[in-house]
Amino acid sequence: FIARSCGGCHVQDGRGEPPAIFNRLGETKDPTVALLIR
């Protein structure tokens, strides 16, 4: 899975955002919840 509820992606029935926490190499370590990859 990527989320435990519909509201986990659509927070407040709204819009997700990409992960925003970066390491020193510029890569995110945030889990992708609102961002999925087909």
ModelCIF file with pLDDT and N, C-alpha, C, O atoms, coordinates in Angstrom:
data_MODEL
#
_entry.id   MODEL 
#
_entity.id                         1 
_entity.type                       polymer 
_entity.pdbx_number_of_molecules   1 
#
_entity_poly.entity_id                      1 
_entity_poly.type                           'polypeptide(L)' 
_entity_poly.nstd_linkage                   no 
_entity_poly.nstd_monomer                   no 
_entity_poly.pdbx_seq_one_letter_code       FIARSCGGCHVQDGRGEPPAIFNRLGETKDPTVALLIR 
_entity_poly.pdbx_seq_one_letter_code_can   FIARSCGGCHVQDGRGEPPAIFNRLGETKDPTVALLIR 
_entity_poly.pdbx_strand_id                 A 
#
loop_
_entity_poly_seq.entity_id 
_entity_poly_seq.num 
_entity_poly_seq.mon_id 
_entity_poly_seq.hetero 
1 1  PHE n 
1 2  ILE n 
1 3  ALA n 
1 4  ARG n 
1 5  SER n 
1 6  CYS n 
1 7  GLY n 
1 8  GLY n 
1 9  CYS n 
1 10 HIS n 
1 11 VAL n 
1 12 GLN n 
1 13 ASP n 
1 14 GLY n 
1 15 ARG n 
1 16 GLY n 
1 17 GLU n 
1 18 PRO n 
1 19 PRO n 
1 20 ALA n 
1 21 ILE n 
1 22 PHE n 
1 23 ASN n 
1 24 ARG n 
1 25 LEU n 
1 26 GLY n 
1 27 GLU n 
1 28 THR n 
1 29 LYS n 
1 30 ASP n 
1 31 PRO n 
1 32 THR n 
1 33 VAL n 
1 34 ALA n 
1 35 LEU n 
1 36 LEU n 
1 37 ILE n 
1 38 ARG n 
#
_struct_asym.id          A 
_struct_asym.entity_id   1 
#
loop_
_ma_qa_metric.id 
_ma_qa_metric.mode 
_ma_qa_metric.name 
_ma_qa_metric.software_group_id 
_ma_qa_metric.type 
1 global pLDDT . pLDDT 
2 local  pLDDT . pLDDT 
#
_ma_qa_metric_global.metric_id      1 
_ma_qa_metric_global.metric_value   78.00 
_ma_qa_metric_global.model_id       1 
_ma_qa_metric_global.ordinal_id     1 
#
loop_
_ma_qa_metric_local.label_asym_id 
_ma_qa_metric_local.label_comp_id 
_ma_qa_metric_local.label_seq_id 
_ma_qa_metric_local.metric_id 
_ma_qa_metric_local.metric_value 
_ma_qa_metric_local.model_id 
_ma_qa_metric_local.ordinal_id 
A PHE 1  2 96.00 1 1  
A ILE 2  2 95.00 1 2  
A ALA 3  2 94.00 1 3  
A ARG 4  2 95.00 1 4  
A SER 5  2 95.00 1 5  
A CYS 6  2 95.00 1 6  
A GLY 7  2 94.00 1 7  
A GLY 8  2 92.00 1 8  
A CYS 9  2 93.00 1 9  
A HIS 10 2 95.00 1 10 
A VAL 11 2 94.00 1 11 
A GLN 12 2 96.00 1 12 
A ASP 13 2 97.00 1 13 
A GLY 14 2 97.00 1 14 
A ARG 15 2 96.00 1 15 
A GLY 16 2 93.00 1 16 
A GLU 17 2 91.00 1 17 
A PRO 18 2 88.00 1 18 
A PRO 19 2 83.00 1 19 
A ALA 20 2 69.00 1 20 
A ILE 21 2 48.00 1 21 
A PHE 22 2 47.00 1 22 
A ASN 23 2 47.00 1 23 
A ARG 24 2 45.00 1 24 
A LEU 25 2 49.00 1 25 
A GLY 26 2 49.00 1 26 
A GLU 27 2 50.00 1 27 
A THR 28 2 48.00 1 28 
A LYS 29 2 50.00 1 29 
A ASP 30 2 49.00 1 30 
A PRO 31 2 52.00 1 31 
A THR 32 2 55.00 1 32 
A VAL 33 2 67.00 1 33 
A ALA 34 2 83.00 1 34 
A LEU 35 2 90.00 1 35 
A LEU 36 2 93.00 1 36 
A ILE 37 2 96.00 1 37 
A ARG 38 2 98.00 1 38 
#
loop_
_atom_site.group_PDB 
_atom_site.id 
_atom_site.type_symbol 
_atom_site.label_atom_id 
_atom_site.label_alt_id 
_atom_site.label_comp_id 
_atom_site.label_asym_id 
_atom_site.label_entity_id 
_atom_site.label_seq_id 
_atom_site.pdbx_PDB_ins_code 
_atom_site.Cartn_x 
_atom_site.Cartn_y 
_atom_site.Cartn_z 
_atom_site.occupancy 
_atom_site.B_iso_or_equiv 
_atom_site.pdbx_formal_charge 
_atom_site.auth_seq_id 
_atom_site.auth_comp_id 
_atom_site.auth_asym_id 
_atom_site.auth_atom_id 
_atom_site.pdbx_PDB_model_num 
ATOM 1   N N  . PHE A 1 1  ? 0.844   -1.188 0.000   1.00 96.00 ? 1  PHE A N  1 
ATOM 2   C CA . PHE A 1 1  ? 0.000   0.000  0.000   1.00 96.00 ? 1  PHE A CA 1 
ATOM 3   C C  . PHE A 1 1  ? 0.883   1.244  0.000   1.00 96.00 ? 1  PHE A C  1 
ATOM 4   O O  . PHE A 1 1  ? 2.097   1.156  0.189   1.00 96.00 ? 1  PHE A O  1 
ATOM 5   N N  . ILE A 1 2  ? 0.256   2.410  -0.215  1.00 95.00 ? 2  ILE A N  1 
ATOM 6   C CA . ILE A 1 2  ? 0.958   3.685  -0.045  1.00 95.00 ? 2  ILE A CA 1 
ATOM 7   C C  . ILE A 1 2  ? 0.269   4.563  0.994   1.00 95.00 ? 2  ILE A C  1 
ATOM 8   O O  . ILE A 1 2  ? 0.850   5.534  1.476   1.00 95.00 ? 2  ILE A O  1 
ATOM 9   N N  . ALA A 1 3  ? -0.972  4.218  1.336   1.00 94.00 ? 3  ALA A N  1 
ATOM 10  C CA . ALA A 1 3  ? -1.721  4.997  2.332   1.00 94.00 ? 3  ALA A CA 1 
ATOM 11  C C  . ALA A 1 3  ? -2.640  4.059  3.095   1.00 94.00 ? 3  ALA A C  1 
ATOM 12  O O  . ALA A 1 3  ? -2.974  2.975  2.616   1.00 94.00 ? 3  ALA A O  1 
ATOM 13  N N  . ARG A 1 4  ? -3.047  4.487  4.295   1.00 95.00 ? 4  ARG A N  1 
ATOM 14  C CA . ARG A 1 4  ? -3.934  3.680  5.132   1.00 95.00 ? 4  ARG A CA 1 
ATOM 15  C C  . ARG A 1 4  ? -5.389  4.125  5.040   1.00 95.00 ? 4  ARG A C  1 
ATOM 16  O O  . ARG A 1 4  ? -6.272  3.489  5.614   1.00 95.00 ? 4  ARG A O  1 
ATOM 17  N N  . SER A 1 5  ? -5.639  5.207  4.324   1.00 95.00 ? 5  SER A N  1 
ATOM 18  C CA . SER A 1 5  ? -7.007  5.689  4.140   1.00 95.00 ? 5  SER A CA 1 
ATOM 19  C C  . SER A 1 5  ? -7.057  6.532  2.878   1.00 95.00 ? 5  SER A C  1 
ATOM 20  O O  . SER A 1 5  ? -6.028  6.986  2.378   1.00 95.00 ? 5  SER A O  1 
ATOM 21  N N  . CYS A 1 6  ? -8.270  6.738  2.368   1.00 95.00 ? 6  CYS A N  1 
ATOM 22  C CA . CYS A 1 6  ? -8.428  7.637  1.220   1.00 95.00 ? 6  CYS A CA 1 
ATOM 23  C C  . CYS A 1 6  ? -7.961  9.039  1.596   1.00 95.00 ? 6  CYS A C  1 
ATOM 24  O O  . CYS A 1 6  ? -7.321  9.732  0.805   1.00 95.00 ? 6  CYS A O  1 
ATOM 25  N N  . GLY A 1 7  ? -8.296  9.442  2.824   1.00 94.00 ? 7  GLY A N  1 
ATOM 26  C CA . GLY A 1 7  ? -7.911  10.757 3.303   1.00 94.00 ? 7  GLY A CA 1 
ATOM 27  C C  . GLY A 1 7  ? -6.427  10.915 3.541   1.00 94.00 ? 7  GLY A C  1 
ATOM 28  O O  . GLY A 1 7  ? -5.948  12.034 3.725   1.00 94.00 ? 7  GLY A O  1 
ATOM 29  N N  . GLY A 1 8  ? -5.682  9.811  3.542   1.00 92.00 ? 8  GLY A N  1 
ATOM 30  C CA . GLY A 1 8  ? -4.240  9.903  3.682   1.00 92.00 ? 8  GLY A CA 1 
ATOM 31  C C  . GLY A 1 8  ? -3.592  10.557 2.482   1.00 92.00 ? 8  GLY A C  1 
ATOM 32  O O  . GLY A 1 8  ? -2.565  11.224 2.614   1.00 92.00 ? 8  GLY A O  1 
ATOM 33  N N  . CYS A 1 9  ? -4.186  10.370 1.299   1.00 93.00 ? 9  CYS A N  1 
ATOM 34  C CA . CYS A 1 9  ? -3.701  11.035 0.081   1.00 93.00 ? 9  CYS A CA 1 
ATOM 35  C C  . CYS A 1 9  ? -4.449  12.341 -0.153  1.00 93.00 ? 9  CYS A C  1 
ATOM 36  O O  . CYS A 1 9  ? -3.844  13.377 -0.426  1.00 93.00 ? 9  CYS A O  1 
ATOM 37  N N  . HIS A 1 10 ? -5.779  12.276 -0.040  1.00 95.00 ? 10 HIS A N  1 
ATOM 38  C CA . HIS A 1 10 ? -6.622  13.453 -0.258  1.00 95.00 ? 10 HIS A CA 1 
ATOM 39  C C  . HIS A 1 10 ? -6.906  14.108 1.094   1.00 95.00 ? 10 HIS A C  1 
ATOM 40  O O  . HIS A 1 10 ? -8.030  14.052 1.592   1.00 95.00 ? 10 HIS A O  1 
ATOM 41  N N  . VAL A 1 11 ? -5.895  14.719 1.678   1.00 94.00 ? 11 VAL A N  1 
ATOM 42  C CA . VAL A 1 11 ? -6.033  15.303 3.012   1.00 94.00 ? 11 VAL A CA 1 
ATOM 43  C C  . VAL A 1 11 ? -7.073  16.413 2.978   1.00 94.00 ? 11 VAL A C  1 
ATOM 44  O O  . VAL A 1 11 ? -6.998  17.321 2.151   1.00 94.00 ? 11 VAL A O  1 
ATOM 45  N N  . GLN A 1 12 ? -8.040  16.334 3.880   1.00 96.00 ? 12 GLN A N  1 
ATOM 46  C CA . GLN A 1 12 ? -9.151  17.297 3.911   1.00 96.00 ? 12 GLN A CA 1 
ATOM 47  C C  . GLN A 1 12 ? -9.856  17.374 2.553   1.00 96.00 ? 12 GLN A C  1 
ATOM 48  O O  . GLN A 1 12 ? -10.356 18.426 2.156   1.00 96.00 ? 12 GLN A O  1 
ATOM 49  N N  . ASP A 1 13 ? -9.884  16.229 1.845   1.00 97.00 ? 13 ASP A N  1 
ATOM 50  C CA . ASP A 1 13 ? -10.505 16.136 0.515   1.00 97.00 ? 13 ASP A CA 1 
ATOM 51  C C  . ASP A 1 13 ? -9.791  17.030 -0.495  1.00 97.00 ? 13 ASP A C  1 
ATOM 52  O O  . ASP A 1 13 ? -10.342 17.384 -1.538  1.00 97.00 ? 13 ASP A O  1 
ATOM 53  N N  . GLY A 1 14 ? -8.560  17.382 -0.161  1.00 97.00 ? 14 GLY A N  1 
ATOM 54  C CA . GLY A 1 14 ? -7.814  18.327 -0.977  1.00 97.00 ? 14 GLY A CA 1 
ATOM 55  C C  . GLY A 1 14 ? -6.699  17.690 -1.770  1.00 97.00 ? 14 GLY A C  1 
ATOM 56  O O  . GLY A 1 14 ? -6.752  16.513 -2.128  1.00 97.00 ? 14 GLY A O  1 
ATOM 57  N N  . ARG A 1 15 ? -5.697  18.490 -2.034  1.00 96.00 ? 15 ARG A N  1 
ATOM 58  C CA . ARG A 1 15 ? -4.647  18.148 -2.980  1.00 96.00 ? 15 ARG A CA 1 
ATOM 59  C C  . ARG A 1 15 ? -3.358  17.763 -2.265  1.00 96.00 ? 15 ARG A C  1 
ATOM 60  O O  . ARG A 1 15 ? -2.964  18.393 -1.284  1.00 96.00 ? 15 ARG A O  1 
ATOM 61  N N  . GLY A 1 16 ? -2.707  16.716 -2.773  1.00 93.00 ? 16 GLY A N  1 
ATOM 62  C CA . GLY A 1 16 ? -1.435  16.303 -2.222  1.00 93.00 ? 16 GLY A CA 1 
ATOM 63  C C  . GLY A 1 16 ? -0.296  17.186 -2.700  1.00 93.00 ? 16 GLY A C  1 
ATOM 64  O O  . GLY A 1 16 ? -0.478  18.048 -3.560  1.00 93.00 ? 16 GLY A O  1 
ATOM 65  N N  . GLU A 1 17 ? 0.869   16.960 -2.137  1.00 91.00 ? 17 GLU A N  1 
ATOM 66  C CA . GLU A 1 17 ? 2.076   17.668 -2.571  1.00 91.00 ? 17 GLU A CA 1 
ATOM 67  C C  . GLU A 1 17 ? 3.233   16.683 -2.593  1.00 91.00 ? 17 GLU A C  1 
ATOM 68  O O  . GLU A 1 17 ? 3.203   15.677 -1.884  1.00 91.00 ? 17 GLU A O  1 
ATOM 69  N N  . PRO A 1 18 ? 4.245   16.956 -3.391  1.00 88.00 ? 18 PRO A N  1 
ATOM 70  C CA . PRO A 1 18 ? 5.394   16.050 -3.432  1.00 88.00 ? 18 PRO A CA 1 
ATOM 71  C C  . PRO A 1 18 ? 6.172   16.108 -2.135  1.00 88.00 ? 18 PRO A C  1 
ATOM 72  O O  . PRO A 1 18 ? 6.085   17.096 -1.406  1.00 88.00 ? 18 PRO A O  1 
ATOM 73  N N  . PRO A 1 19 ? 6.943   15.049 -1.828  1.00 83.00 ? 19 PRO A N  1 
ATOM 74  C CA . PRO A 1 19 ? 7.755   15.064 -0.610  1.00 83.00 ? 19 PRO A CA 1 
ATOM 75  C C  . PRO A 1 19 ? 8.700   16.254 -0.587  1.00 83.00 ? 19 PRO A C  1 
ATOM 76  O O  . PRO A 1 19 ? 9.145   16.724 -1.634  1.00 83.00 ? 19 PRO A O  1 
ATOM 77  N N  . ALA A 1 20 ? 9.008   16.742 0.618   1.00 69.00 ? 20 ALA A N  1 
ATOM 78  C CA . ALA A 1 20 ? 9.761   17.996 0.714   1.00 69.00 ? 20 ALA A CA 1 
ATOM 79  C C  . ALA A 1 20 ? 10.997  17.911 1.599   1.00 69.00 ? 20 ALA A C  1 
ATOM 80  O O  . ALA A 1 20 ? 11.660  18.929 1.799   1.00 69.00 ? 20 ALA A O  1 
ATOM 81  N N  . ILE A 1 21 ? 11.340  16.733 2.144   1.00 48.00 ? 21 ILE A N  1 
ATOM 82  C CA . ILE A 1 21 ? 12.498  16.603 3.029   1.00 48.00 ? 21 ILE A CA 1 
ATOM 83  C C  . ILE A 1 21 ? 13.644  15.996 2.223   1.00 48.00 ? 21 ILE A C  1 
ATOM 84  O O  . ILE A 1 21 ? 13.500  14.919 1.643   1.00 48.00 ? 21 ILE A O  1 
ATOM 85  N N  . PHE A 1 22 ? 14.782  16.689 2.189   1.00 47.00 ? 22 PHE A N  1 
ATOM 86  C CA . PHE A 1 22 ? 15.894  16.270 1.350   1.00 47.00 ? 22 PHE A CA 1 
ATOM 87  C C  . PHE A 1 22 ? 17.132  15.933 2.181   1.00 47.00 ? 22 PHE A C  1 
ATOM 88  O O  . PHE A 1 22 ? 17.373  16.525 3.233   1.00 47.00 ? 22 PHE A O  1 
ATOM 89  N N  . ASN A 1 23 ? 17.899  14.981 1.690   1.00 47.00 ? 23 ASN A N  1 
ATOM 90  C CA . ASN A 1 23 ? 19.188  14.702 2.317   1.00 47.00 ? 23 ASN A CA 1 
ATOM 91  C C  . ASN A 1 23 ? 20.276  15.508 1.607   1.00 47.00 ? 23 ASN A C  1 
ATOM 92  O O  . ASN A 1 23 ? 19.978  16.313 0.726   1.00 47.00 ? 23 ASN A O  1 
ATOM 93  N N  . ARG A 1 24 ? 21.501  15.298 1.979   1.00 45.00 ? 24 ARG A N  1 
ATOM 94  C CA . ARG A 1 24 ? 22.585  16.132 1.445   1.00 45.00 ? 24 ARG A CA 1 
ATOM 95  C C  . ARG A 1 24 ? 22.808  15.899 -0.049  1.00 45.00 ? 24 ARG A C  1 
ATOM 96  O O  . ARG A 1 24 ? 23.449  16.723 -0.702  1.00 45.00 ? 24 ARG A O  1 
ATOM 97  N N  . LEU A 1 25 ? 22.298  14.805 -0.604  1.00 49.00 ? 25 LEU A N  1 
ATOM 98  C CA . LEU A 1 25 ? 22.451  14.547 -2.030  1.00 49.00 ? 25 LEU A CA 1 
ATOM 99  C C  . LEU A 1 25 ? 21.299  15.125 -2.846  1.00 49.00 ? 25 LEU A C  1 
ATOM 100 O O  . LEU A 1 25 ? 21.255  14.986 -4.068  1.00 49.00 ? 25 LEU A O  1 
ATOM 101 N N  . GLY A 1 26 ? 20.369  15.774 -2.151  1.00 49.00 ? 26 GLY A N  1 
ATOM 102 C CA . GLY A 1 26 ? 19.234  16.364 -2.850  1.00 49.00 ? 26 GLY A CA 1 
ATOM 103 C C  . GLY A 1 26 ? 18.114  15.392 -3.122  1.00 49.00 ? 26 GLY A C  1 
ATOM 104 O O  . GLY A 1 26 ? 17.201  15.698 -3.889  1.00 49.00 ? 26 GLY A O  1 
ATOM 105 N N  . GLU A 1 27 ? 18.166  14.202 -2.497  1.00 50.00 ? 27 GLU A N  1 
ATOM 106 C CA . GLU A 1 27 ? 17.121  13.217 -2.716  1.00 50.00 ? 27 GLU A CA 1 
ATOM 107 C C  . GLU A 1 27 ? 16.222  13.150 -1.487  1.00 50.00 ? 27 GLU A C  1 
ATOM 108 O O  . GLU A 1 27 ? 16.695  13.236 -0.354  1.00 50.00 ? 27 GLU A O  1 
ATOM 109 N N  . THR A 1 28 ? 14.918  12.995 -1.724  1.00 48.00 ? 28 THR A N  1 
ATOM 110 C CA . THR A 1 28 ? 13.980  12.959 -0.612  1.00 48.00 ? 28 THR A CA 1 
ATOM 111 C C  . THR A 1 28 ? 13.985  11.592 0.069   1.00 48.00 ? 28 THR A C  1 
ATOM 112 O O  . THR A 1 28 ? 14.150  10.562 -0.584  1.00 48.00 ? 28 THR A O  1 
ATOM 113 N N  . LYS A 1 29 ? 13.802  11.597 1.385   1.00 50.00 ? 29 LYS A N  1 
ATOM 114 C CA . LYS A 1 29 ? 13.612  10.360 2.131   1.00 50.00 ? 29 LYS A CA 1 
ATOM 115 C C  . LYS A 1 29 ? 12.181  10.260 2.644   1.00 50.00 ? 29 LYS A C  1 
ATOM 116 O O  . LYS A 1 29 ? 11.824  9.314  3.346   1.00 50.00 ? 29 LYS A O  1 
ATOM 117 N N  . ASP A 1 30 ? 11.365  11.254 2.281   1.00 49.00 ? 30 ASP A N  1 
ATOM 118 C CA . ASP A 1 30 ? 9.964   11.228 2.664   1.00 49.00 ? 30 ASP A CA 1 
ATOM 119 C C  . ASP A 1 30 ? 9.265   10.050 1.995   1.00 49.00 ? 30 ASP A C  1 
ATOM 120 O O  . ASP A 1 30 ? 9.546   9.768  0.830   1.00 49.00 ? 30 ASP A O  1 
ATOM 121 N N  . PRO A 1 31 ? 8.365   9.351  2.687   1.00 52.00 ? 31 PRO A N  1 
ATOM 122 C CA . PRO A 1 31 ? 7.566   8.338  2.003   1.00 52.00 ? 31 PRO A CA 1 
ATOM 123 C C  . PRO A 1 31 ? 6.601   9.001  1.033   1.00 52.00 ? 31 PRO A C  1 
ATOM 124 O O  . PRO A 1 31 ? 6.079   10.081 1.307   1.00 52.00 ? 31 PRO A O  1 
ATOM 125 N N  . THR A 1 32 ? 6.365   8.351  -0.102  1.00 55.00 ? 32 THR A N  1 
ATOM 126 C CA . THR A 1 32 ? 5.424   8.917  -1.064  1.00 55.00 ? 32 THR A CA 1 
ATOM 127 C C  . THR A 1 32 ? 4.027   8.468  -0.691  1.00 55.00 ? 32 THR A C  1 
ATOM 128 O O  . THR A 1 32 ? 3.683   7.297  -0.852  1.00 55.00 ? 32 THR A O  1 
ATOM 129 N N  . VAL A 1 33 ? 3.233   9.376  -0.200  1.00 67.00 ? 33 VAL A N  1 
ATOM 130 C CA . VAL A 1 33 ? 1.854   9.075  0.143   1.00 67.00 ? 33 VAL A CA 1 
ATOM 131 C C  . VAL A 1 33 ? 0.930   9.702  -0.887  1.00 67.00 ? 33 VAL A C  1 
ATOM 132 O O  . VAL A 1 33 ? 0.223   8.996  -1.607  1.00 67.00 ? 33 VAL A O  1 
ATOM 133 N N  . ALA A 1 34 ? 0.935   11.022 -0.958  1.00 83.00 ? 34 ALA A N  1 
ATOM 134 C CA . ALA A 1 34 ? 0.074   11.703 -1.926  1.00 83.00 ? 34 ALA A CA 1 
ATOM 135 C C  . ALA A 1 34 ? 0.638   11.619 -3.344  1.00 83.00 ? 34 ALA A C  1 
ATOM 136 O O  . ALA A 1 34 ? -0.067  11.923 -4.306  1.00 83.00 ? 34 ALA A O  1 
ATOM 137 N N  . LEU A 1 35 ? 1.901   11.209 -3.485  1.00 90.00 ? 35 LEU A N  1 
ATOM 138 C CA . LEU A 1 35 ? 2.527   11.040 -4.798  1.00 90.00 ? 35 LEU A CA 1 
ATOM 139 C C  . LEU A 1 35 ? 2.633   9.550  -5.096  1.00 90.00 ? 35 LEU A C  1 
ATOM 140 O O  . LEU A 1 35 ? 3.298   8.819  -4.361  1.00 90.00 ? 35 LEU A O  1 
ATOM 141 N N  . LEU A 1 36 ? 1.990   9.094  -6.157  1.00 93.00 ? 36 LEU A N  1 
ATOM 142 C CA . LEU A 1 36 ? 2.130   7.698  -6.550  1.00 93.00 ? 36 LEU A CA 1 
ATOM 143 C C  . LEU A 1 36 ? 2.793   7.629  -7.917  1.00 93.00 ? 36 LEU A C  1 
ATOM 144 O O  . LEU A 1 36 ? 2.777   8.594  -8.682  1.00 93.00 ? 36 LEU A O  1 
ATOM 145 N N  . ILE A 1 37 ? 3.374   6.473  -8.210  1.00 96.00 ? 37 ILE A N  1 
ATOM 146 C CA . ILE A 1 37 ? 4.073   6.282  -9.482  1.00 96.00 ? 37 ILE A CA 1 
ATOM 147 C C  . ILE A 1 37 ? 3.401   5.148  -10.247 1.00 96.00 ? 37 ILE A C  1 
ATOM 148 O O  . ILE A 1 37 ? 3.408   4.002  -9.799  1.00 96.00 ? 37 ILE A O  1 
ATOM 149 N N  . ARG A 1 38 ? 2.827   5.467  -11.388 1.00 98.00 ? 38 ARG A N  1 
ATOM 150 C CA . ARG A 1 38 ? 2.267   4.449  -12.274 1.00 98.00 ? 38 ARG A CA 1 
ATOM 151 C C  . ARG A 1 38 ? 3.406   3.755  -13.027 1.00 98.00 ? 38 ARG A C  1 
ATOM 152 O O  . ARG A 1 38 ? 3.157   2.858  -13.832 1.00 98.00 ? 38 ARG A O  1 
#
